[in-house]
Amino acid sequence: MKRGSLVDILSRRDPHGYYVIPLKAEGRELVEKILSQHGEQAKLVESKDVVLVRIKSRSMAEKIARAAERRNLLAVEEDEEV
């Protein structure tokens, strides 16, 4: 089971009220495409291998997260088996 599932992502906001979606670096193009199609804006925070999408709209957060999950672009940690 993966931590950071859609339920986790969509059930919490950061202290400023944004939903935060962690994506692999390749997911940037997908986010930009979805945002431009819907005329929405989001804050993208990039690092070497992860892009954090910060967005206020829950419906847009859900669209982005679901599309990323289908393409295996969510940056989530695997649970370690003991």
PDB file of N, CA and C in Angstrom:
ATOM      1  N   MET A   1       0.848  -1.183   0.000  1.00  0.00           N
ATOM      2  CA  MET A   1       0.000   0.000   0.000  1.00  0.00           C
ATOM      3  C   MET A   1       0.887   1.239   0.000  1.00  0.00           C
ATOM      4  N   LYS A   2       0.521   2.248  -0.731  1.00  0.00           N
ATOM      5  CA  LYS A   2       1.300   3.471  -0.808  1.00  0.00           C
ATOM      6  C   LYS A   2       0.768   4.515   0.157  1.00  0.00           C
ATOM      7  N   ARG A   3       1.684   5.231   0.800  1.00  0.00           N
ATOM      8  CA  ARG A   3       1.297   6.413   1.564  1.00  0.00           C
ATOM      9  C   ARG A   3       1.162   7.549   0.570  1.00  0.00           C
ATOM     10  N   GLY A   4       0.306   8.512   0.860  1.00  0.00           N
ATOM     11  CA  GLY A   4       0.139   9.628  -0.059  1.00  0.00           C
ATOM     12  C   GLY A   4      -0.910   9.347  -1.101  1.00  0.00           C
ATOM     13  N   SER A   5      -1.817   8.445  -0.788  1.00  0.00           N
ATOM     14  CA  SER A   5      -2.880   8.122  -1.736  1.00  0.00           C
ATOM     15  C   SER A   5      -3.756   9.338  -1.967  1.00  0.00           C
ATOM     16  N   LEU A   6      -4.655   9.247  -2.915  1.00  0.00           N
ATOM     17  CA  LEU A   6      -5.557  10.353  -3.223  1.00  0.00           C
ATOM     18  C   LEU A   6      -6.318  10.824  -1.996  1.00  0.00           C
ATOM     19  N   VAL A   7      -6.756   9.889  -1.173  1.00  0.00           N
ATOM     20  CA  VAL A   7      -7.500  10.262   0.028  1.00  0.00           C
ATOM     21  C   VAL A   7      -6.636  11.119   0.934  1.00  0.00           C
ATOM     22  N   ASP A   8      -5.378  10.733   1.136  1.00  0.00           N
ATOM     23  CA  ASP A   8      -4.458  11.523   1.962  1.00  0.00           C
ATOM     24  C   ASP A   8      -4.239  12.912   1.367  1.00  0.00           C
ATOM     25  N   ILE A   9      -3.993  12.958   0.078  1.00  0.00           N
ATOM     26  CA  ILE A   9      -3.702  14.220  -0.590  1.00  0.00           C
ATOM     27  C   ILE A   9      -4.890  15.175  -0.503  1.00  0.00           C
ATOM     28  N   LEU A  10      -6.087  14.657  -0.731  1.00  0.00           N
ATOM     29  CA  LEU A  10      -7.269  15.515  -0.797  1.00  0.00           C
ATOM     30  C   LEU A  10      -7.918  15.772   0.560  1.00  0.00           C
ATOM     31  N   SER A  11      -7.443  15.116   1.598  1.00  0.00           N
ATOM     32  CA  SER A  11      -8.062  15.317   2.904  1.00  0.00           C
ATOM     33  C   SER A  11      -7.315  16.348   3.757  1.00  0.00           C
ATOM     34  N   ARG A  12      -6.151  16.781   3.294  1.00  0.00           N
ATOM     35  CA  ARG A  12      -5.365  17.732   4.085  1.00  0.00           C
ATOM     36  C   ARG A  12      -4.975  18.945   3.257  1.00  0.00           C
ATOM     37  N   ARG A  13      -4.877  20.066   3.937  1.00  0.00           N
ATOM     38  CA  ARG A  13      -4.395  21.298   3.323  1.00  0.00           C
ATOM     39  C   ARG A  13      -3.188  21.799   4.109  1.00  0.00           C
ATOM     40  N   ASP A  14      -2.403  22.629   3.455  1.00  0.00           N
ATOM     41  CA  ASP A  14      -1.284  23.230   4.181  1.00  0.00           C
ATOM     42  C   ASP A  14      -1.816  24.388   5.035  1.00  0.00           C
ATOM     43  N   PRO A  15      -0.995  25.004   5.867  1.00  0.00           N
ATOM     44  CA  PRO A  15      -1.488  26.074   6.754  1.00  0.00           C
ATOM     45  C   PRO A  15      -2.092  27.280   6.026  1.00  0.00           C
ATOM     46  N   HIS A  16      -1.802  27.435   4.747  1.00  0.00           N
ATOM     47  CA  HIS A  16      -2.326  28.563   3.980  1.00  0.00           C
ATOM     48  C   HIS A  16      -3.586  28.192   3.194  1.00  0.00           C
ATOM     49  N   GLY A  17      -4.074  26.973   3.373  1.00  0.00           N
ATOM     50  CA  GLY A  17      -5.313  26.550   2.734  1.00  0.00           C
ATOM     51  C   GLY A  17      -5.153  25.921   1.365  1.00  0.00           C
ATOM     52  N   TYR A  18      -3.934  25.590   0.971  1.00  0.00           N
ATOM     53  CA  TYR A  18      -3.694  24.967  -0.332  1.00  0.00           C
ATOM     54  C   TYR A  18      -3.665  23.444  -0.210  1.00  0.00           C
ATOM     55  N   TYR A  19      -4.181  22.777  -1.222  1.00  0.00           N
ATOM     56  CA  TYR A  19      -3.953  21.341  -1.360  1.00  0.00           C
ATOM     57  C   TYR A  19      -2.569  21.203  -1.978  1.00  0.00           C
ATOM     58  N   VAL A  20      -1.790  20.251  -1.495  1.00  0.00           N
ATOM     59  CA  VAL A  20      -0.431  20.057  -1.992  1.00  0.00           C
ATOM     60  C   VAL A  20      -0.337  18.668  -2.621  1.00  0.00           C
ATOM     61  N   ILE A  21       0.017  18.646  -3.906  1.00  0.00           N
ATOM     62  CA  ILE A  21       0.103  17.391  -4.645  1.00  0.00           C
ATOM     63  C   ILE A  21       1.562  17.163  -5.041  1.00  0.00           C
ATOM     64  N   PRO A  22       2.204  16.133  -4.508  1.00  0.00           N
ATOM     65  CA  PRO A  22       3.590  15.845  -4.879  1.00  0.00           C
ATOM     66  C   PRO A  22       3.645  15.006  -6.162  1.00  0.00           C
ATOM     67  N   LEU A  23       4.365  15.509  -7.150  1.00  0.00           N
ATOM     68  CA  LEU A  23       4.484  14.810  -8.429  1.00  0.00           C
ATOM     69  C   LEU A  23       5.947  14.556  -8.756  1.00  0.00           C
ATOM     70  N   LYS A  24       6.177  13.529  -9.550  1.00  0.00           N
ATOM     71  CA  LYS A  24       7.506  13.329 -10.109  1.00  0.00           C
ATOM     72  C   LYS A  24       7.766  14.492 -11.068  1.00  0.00           C
ATOM     73  N   ALA A  25       9.020  14.789 -11.334  1.00  0.00           N
ATOM     74  CA  ALA A  25       9.387  15.938 -12.166  1.00  0.00           C
ATOM     75  C   ALA A  25       8.711  15.895 -13.537  1.00  0.00           C
ATOM     76  N   GLU A  26       8.496  14.711 -14.070  1.00  0.00           N
ATOM     77  CA  GLU A  26       7.865  14.572 -15.393  1.00  0.00           C
ATOM     78  C   GLU A  26       6.404  15.031 -15.390  1.00  0.00           C
ATOM     79  N   GLY A  27       5.822  15.202 -14.219  1.00  0.00           N
ATOM     80  CA  GLY A  27       4.414  15.569 -14.105  1.00  0.00           C
ATOM     81  C   GLY A  27       4.129  17.039 -14.354  1.00  0.00           C
ATOM     82  N   ARG A  28       5.165  17.850 -14.455  1.00  0.00           N
ATOM     83  CA  ARG A  28       4.972  19.291 -14.663  1.00  0.00           C
ATOM     84  C   ARG A  28       4.162  19.581 -15.925  1.00  0.00           C
ATOM     85  N   GLU A  29       4.484  18.927 -17.020  1.00  0.00           N
ATOM     86  CA  GLU A  29       3.776  19.162 -18.285  1.00  0.00           C
ATOM     87  C   GLU A  29       2.296  18.812 -18.156  1.00  0.00           C
ATOM     88  N   LEU A  30       1.995  17.722 -17.477  1.00  0.00           N
ATOM     89  CA  LEU A  30       0.607  17.312 -17.272  1.00  0.00           C
ATOM     90  C   LEU A  30      -0.161  18.385 -16.509  1.00  0.00           C
ATOM     91  N   VAL A  31       0.432  18.901 -15.443  1.00  0.00           N
ATOM     92  CA  VAL A  31      -0.218  19.933 -14.625  1.00  0.00           C
ATOM     93  C   VAL A  31      -0.459  21.187 -15.447  1.00  0.00           C
ATOM     94  N   GLU A  32       0.548  21.613 -16.185  1.00  0.00           N
ATOM     95  CA  GLU A  32       0.395  22.823 -17.002  1.00  0.00           C
ATOM     96  C   GLU A  32      -0.713  22.653 -18.033  1.00  0.00           C
ATOM     97  N   LYS A  33      -0.818  21.482 -18.622  1.00  0.00           N
ATOM     98  CA  LYS A  33      -1.865  21.211 -19.612  1.00  0.00           C
ATOM     99  C   LYS A  33      -3.254  21.276 -18.969  1.00  0.00           C
ATOM    100  N   ILE A  34      -3.415  20.623 -17.828  1.00  0.00           N
ATOM    101  CA  ILE A  34      -4.719  20.613 -17.134  1.00  0.00           C
ATOM    102  C   ILE A  34      -5.101  22.033 -16.701  1.00  0.00           C
ATOM    103  N   LEU A  35      -4.147  22.761 -16.150  1.00  0.00           N
ATOM    104  CA  LEU A  35      -4.435  24.120 -15.692  1.00  0.00           C
ATOM    105  C   LEU A  35      -4.831  25.034 -16.852  1.00  0.00           C
ATOM    106  N   SER A  36      -4.137  24.913 -17.976  1.00  0.00           N
ATOM    107  CA  SER A  36      -4.459  25.779 -19.120  1.00  0.00           C
ATOM    108  C   SER A  36      -5.819  25.435 -19.720  1.00  0.00           C
ATOM    109  N   GLN A  37      -6.196  24.171 -19.717  1.00  0.00           N
ATOM    110  CA  GLN A  37      -7.500  23.761 -20.240  1.00  0.00           C
ATOM    111  C   GLN A  37      -8.641  24.326 -19.410  1.00  0.00           C
ATOM    112  N   HIS A  38      -8.425  24.501 -18.128  1.00  0.00           N
ATOM    113  CA  HIS A  38      -9.486  24.945 -17.225  1.00  0.00           C
ATOM    114  C   HIS A  38      -9.323  26.394 -16.783  1.00  0.00           C
ATOM    115  N   GLY A  39      -8.295  27.080 -17.293  1.00  0.00           N
ATOM    116  CA  GLY A  39      -8.079  28.470 -16.941  1.00  0.00           C
ATOM    117  C   GLY A  39      -7.782  28.688 -15.468  1.00  0.00           C
ATOM    118  N   GLU A  40      -7.175  27.720 -14.837  1.00  0.00           N
ATOM    119  CA  GLU A  40      -6.851  27.786 -13.403  1.00  0.00           C
ATOM    120  C   GLU A  40      -5.383  28.138 -13.217  1.00  0.00           C
ATOM    121  N   GLN A  41      -5.067  28.567 -12.013  1.00  0.00           N
ATOM    122  CA  GLN A  41      -3.687  28.848 -11.652  1.00  0.00           C
ATOM    123  C   GLN A  41      -3.318  28.060 -10.409  1.00  0.00           C
ATOM    124  N   ALA A  42      -2.062  27.686 -10.344  1.00  0.00           N
ATOM    125  CA  ALA A  42      -1.542  26.979  -9.176  1.00  0.00           C
ATOM    126  C   ALA A  42      -0.104  27.420  -8.972  1.00  0.00           C
ATOM    127  N   LYS A  43       0.391  27.217  -7.780  1.00  0.00           N
ATOM    128  CA  LYS A  43       1.795  27.494  -7.491  1.00  0.00           C
ATOM    129  C   LYS A  43       2.557  26.188  -7.639  1.00  0.00           C
ATOM    130  N   LEU A  44       3.634  26.222  -8.415  1.00  0.00           N
ATOM    131  CA  LEU A  44       4.474  25.049  -8.603  1.00  0.00           C
ATOM    132  C   LEU A  44       5.802  25.293  -7.899  1.00  0.00           C
ATOM    133  N   VAL A  45       6.155  24.385  -7.011  1.00  0.00           N
ATOM    134  CA  VAL A  45       7.419  24.459  -6.290  1.00  0.00           C
ATOM    135  C   VAL A  45       8.253  23.281  -6.766  1.00  0.00           C
ATOM    136  N   GLU A  46       9.381  23.591  -7.400  1.00  0.00           N
ATOM    137  CA  GLU A  46      10.199  22.533  -7.994  1.00  0.00           C
ATOM    138  C   GLU A  46      11.468  22.278  -7.198  1.00  0.00           C
ATOM    139  N   SER A  47      11.838  21.007  -7.177  1.00  0.00           N
ATOM    140  CA  SER A  47      13.149  20.616  -6.672  1.00  0.00           C
ATOM    141  C   SER A  47      13.751  19.689  -7.716  1.00  0.00           C
ATOM    142  N   LYS A  48      14.796  19.027  -7.377  1.00  0.00           N
ATOM    143  CA  LYS A  48      15.502  18.189  -8.350  1.00  0.00           C
ATOM    144  C   LYS A  48      14.606  17.127  -8.978  1.00  0.00           C
ATOM    145  N   ASP A  49      13.871  16.386  -8.161  1.00  0.00           N
ATOM    146  CA  ASP A  49      13.098  15.269  -8.702  1.00  0.00           C
ATOM    147  C   ASP A  49      11.615  15.293  -8.339  1.00  0.00           C
ATOM    148  N   VAL A  50      11.157  16.376  -7.687  1.00  0.00           N
ATOM    149  CA  VAL A  50       9.759  16.464  -7.277  1.00  0.00           C
ATOM    150  C   VAL A  50       9.208  17.849  -7.597  1.00  0.00           C
ATOM    151  N   VAL A  51       7.953  17.880  -8.030  1.00  0.00           N
ATOM    152  CA  VAL A  51       7.235  19.135  -8.222  1.00  0.00           C
ATOM    153  C   VAL A  51       6.062  19.121  -7.255  1.00  0.00           C
ATOM    154  N   LEU A  52       5.953  20.147  -6.430  1.00  0.00           N
ATOM    155  CA  LEU A  52       4.811  20.273  -5.534  1.00  0.00           C
ATOM    156  C   LEU A  52       3.827  21.243  -6.159  1.00  0.00           C
ATOM    157  N   VAL A  53       2.617  20.777  -6.361  1.00  0.00           N
ATOM    158  CA  VAL A  53       1.561  21.619  -6.902  1.00  0.00           C
ATOM    159  C   VAL A  53       0.735  22.103  -5.726  1.00  0.00           C
ATOM    160  N   ARG A  54       0.623  23.405  -5.570  1.00  0.00           N
ATOM    161  CA  ARG A  54      -0.181  23.996  -4.492  1.00  0.00           C
ATOM    162  C   ARG A  54      -1.358  24.690  -5.149  1.00  0.00           C
ATOM    163  N   ILE A  55      -2.576  24.248  -4.806  1.00  0.00           N
ATOM    164  CA  ILE A  55      -3.773  24.779  -5.440  1.00  0.00           C
ATOM    165  C   ILE A  55      -4.898  24.892  -4.418  1.00  0.00           C
ATOM    166  N   LYS A  56      -5.703  25.924  -4.539  1.00  0.00           N
ATOM    167  CA  LYS A  56      -6.807  26.168  -3.598  1.00  0.00           C
ATOM    168  C   LYS A  56      -8.030  25.320  -3.917  1.00  0.00           C
ATOM    169  N   SER A  57      -8.333  25.129  -5.193  1.00  0.00           N
ATOM    170  CA  SER A  57      -9.551  24.448  -5.619  1.00  0.00           C
ATOM    171  C   SER A  57      -9.468  22.940  -5.383  1.00  0.00           C
ATOM    172  N   ARG A  58     -10.419  22.420  -4.606  1.00  0.00           N
ATOM    173  CA  ARG A  58     -10.423  20.986  -4.341  1.00  0.00           C
ATOM    174  C   ARG A  58     -10.712  20.190  -5.611  1.00  0.00           C
ATOM    175  N   SER A  59     -11.626  20.680  -6.435  1.00  0.00           N
ATOM    176  CA  SER A  59     -11.979  19.950  -7.656  1.00  0.00           C
ATOM    177  C   SER A  59     -10.788  19.883  -8.617  1.00  0.00           C
ATOM    178  N   MET A  60     -10.030  20.975  -8.720  1.00  0.00           N
ATOM    179  CA  MET A  60      -8.846  20.951  -9.584  1.00  0.00           C
ATOM    180  C   MET A  60      -7.759  20.073  -8.979  1.00  0.00           C
ATOM    181  N   ALA A  61      -7.623  20.111  -7.667  1.00  0.00           N
ATOM    182  CA  ALA A  61      -6.645  19.237  -7.005  1.00  0.00           C
ATOM    183  C   ALA A  61      -6.976  17.781  -7.293  1.00  0.00           C
ATOM    184  N   GLU A  62      -8.266  17.458  -7.244  1.00  0.00           N
ATOM    185  CA  GLU A  62      -8.685  16.083  -7.513  1.00  0.00           C
ATOM    186  C   GLU A  62      -8.408  15.699  -8.963  1.00  0.00           C
ATOM    187  N   LYS A  63      -8.699  16.592  -9.909  1.00  0.00           N
ATOM    188  CA  LYS A  63      -8.427  16.301 -11.325  1.00  0.00           C
ATOM    189  C   LYS A  63      -6.949  16.054 -11.560  1.00  0.00           C
ATOM    190  N   ILE A  64      -6.111  16.917 -10.996  1.00  0.00           N
ATOM    191  CA  ILE A  64      -4.668  16.777 -11.182  1.00  0.00           C
ATOM    192  C   ILE A  64      -4.165  15.486 -10.543  1.00  0.00           C
ATOM    193  N   ALA A  65      -4.593  15.218  -9.318  1.00  0.00           N
ATOM    194  CA  ALA A  65      -4.134  14.025  -8.603  1.00  0.00           C
ATOM    195  C   ALA A  65      -4.580  12.744  -9.301  1.00  0.00           C
ATOM    196  N   ARG A  66      -5.814  12.712  -9.762  1.00  0.00           N
ATOM    197  CA  ARG A  66      -6.308  11.505 -10.461  1.00  0.00           C
ATOM    198  C   ARG A  66      -5.562  11.288 -11.780  1.00  0.00           C
ATOM    199  N   ALA A  67      -5.358  12.356 -12.543  1.00  0.00           N
ATOM    200  CA  ALA A  67      -4.632  12.235 -13.807  1.00  0.00           C
ATOM    201  C   ALA A  67      -3.192  11.775 -13.562  1.00  0.00           C
ATOM    202  N   ALA A  68      -2.568  12.315 -12.528  1.00  0.00           N
ATOM    203  CA  ALA A  68      -1.194  11.929 -12.200  1.00  0.00           C
ATOM    204  C   ALA A  68      -1.134  10.477 -11.736  1.00  0.00           C
ATOM    205  N   GLU A  69      -2.121  10.065 -10.960  1.00  0.00           N
ATOM    206  CA  GLU A  69      -2.144   8.681 -10.483  1.00  0.00           C
ATOM    207  C   GLU A  69      -2.287   7.711 -11.655  1.00  0.00           C
ATOM    208  N   ARG A  70      -3.156   8.035 -12.605  1.00  0.00           N
ATOM    209  CA  ARG A  70      -3.340   7.164 -13.779  1.00  0.00           C
ATOM    210  C   ARG A  70      -2.051   7.007 -14.573  1.00  0.00           C
ATOM    211  N   ARG A  71      -1.234   8.051 -14.585  1.00  0.00           N
ATOM    212  CA  ARG A  71       0.020   8.030 -15.345  1.00  0.00           C
ATOM    213  C   ARG A  71       1.230   7.668 -14.475  1.00  0.00           C
ATOM    214  N   ASN A  72       0.965   7.269 -13.237  1.00  0.00           N
ATOM    215  CA  ASN A  72       2.016   6.893 -12.293  1.00  0.00           C
ATOM    216  C   ASN A  72       3.012   8.039 -12.074  1.00  0.00           C
ATOM    217  N   LEU A  73       2.487   9.256 -11.920  1.00  0.00           N
ATOM    218  CA  LEU A  73       3.330  10.423 -11.725  1.00  0.00           C
ATOM    219  C   LEU A  73       3.269  10.993 -10.314  1.00  0.00           C
ATOM    220  N   LEU A  74       2.480  10.399  -9.429  1.00  0.00           N
ATOM    221  CA  LEU A  74       2.459  10.851  -8.044  1.00  0.00           C
ATOM    222  C   LEU A  74       3.770  10.460  -7.382  1.00  0.00           C
ATOM    223  N   ALA A  75       4.365  11.380  -6.655  1.00  0.00           N
ATOM    224  CA  ALA A  75       5.603  11.102  -5.932  1.00  0.00           C
ATOM    225  C   ALA A  75       5.216  10.674  -4.513  1.00  0.00           C
ATOM    226  N   VAL A  76       5.138   9.377  -4.311  1.00  0.00           N
ATOM    227  CA  VAL A  76       4.753   8.860  -2.998  1.00  0.00           C
ATOM    228  C   VAL A  76       5.808   7.877  -2.520  1.00  0.00           C
ATOM    229  N   GLU A  77       5.903   7.779  -1.217  1.00  0.00           N
ATOM    230  CA  GLU A  77       6.841   6.837  -0.604  1.00  0.00           C
ATOM    231  C   GLU A  77       6.170   5.481  -0.478  1.00  0.00           C
ATOM    232  N   GLU A  78       6.940   4.444  -0.689  1.00  0.00           N
ATOM    233  CA  GLU A  78       6.438   3.097  -0.494  1.00  0.00           C
ATOM    234  C   GLU A  78       6.566   2.733   0.982  1.00  0.00           C
ATOM    235  N   ASP A  79       5.547   2.084   1.526  1.00  0.00           N
ATOM    236  CA  ASP A  79       5.640   1.591   2.892  1.00  0.00           C
ATOM    237  C   ASP A  79       6.663   0.478   2.940  1.00  0.00           C
ATOM    238  N   GLU A  80       7.484   0.491   3.966  1.00  0.00           N
ATOM    239  CA  GLU A  80       8.468  -0.579   4.121  1.00  0.00           C
ATOM    240  C   GLU A  80       7.806  -1.768   4.797  1.00  0.00           C
ATOM    241  N   GLU A  81       8.100  -2.946   4.268  1.00  0.00           N
ATOM    242  CA  GLU A  81       7.572  -4.155   4.882  1.00  0.00           C
ATOM    243  C   GLU A  81       8.522  -4.603   5.976  1.00  0.00           C
ATOM    244  N   VAL A  82       7.934  -4.992   7.103  1.00  0.00           N
ATOM    245  CA  VAL A  82       8.760  -5.403   8.240  1.00  0.00           C
ATOM    246  C   VAL A  82       8.741  -6.891   8.375  1.00  0.00           C
TER     247      VAL A  82
END
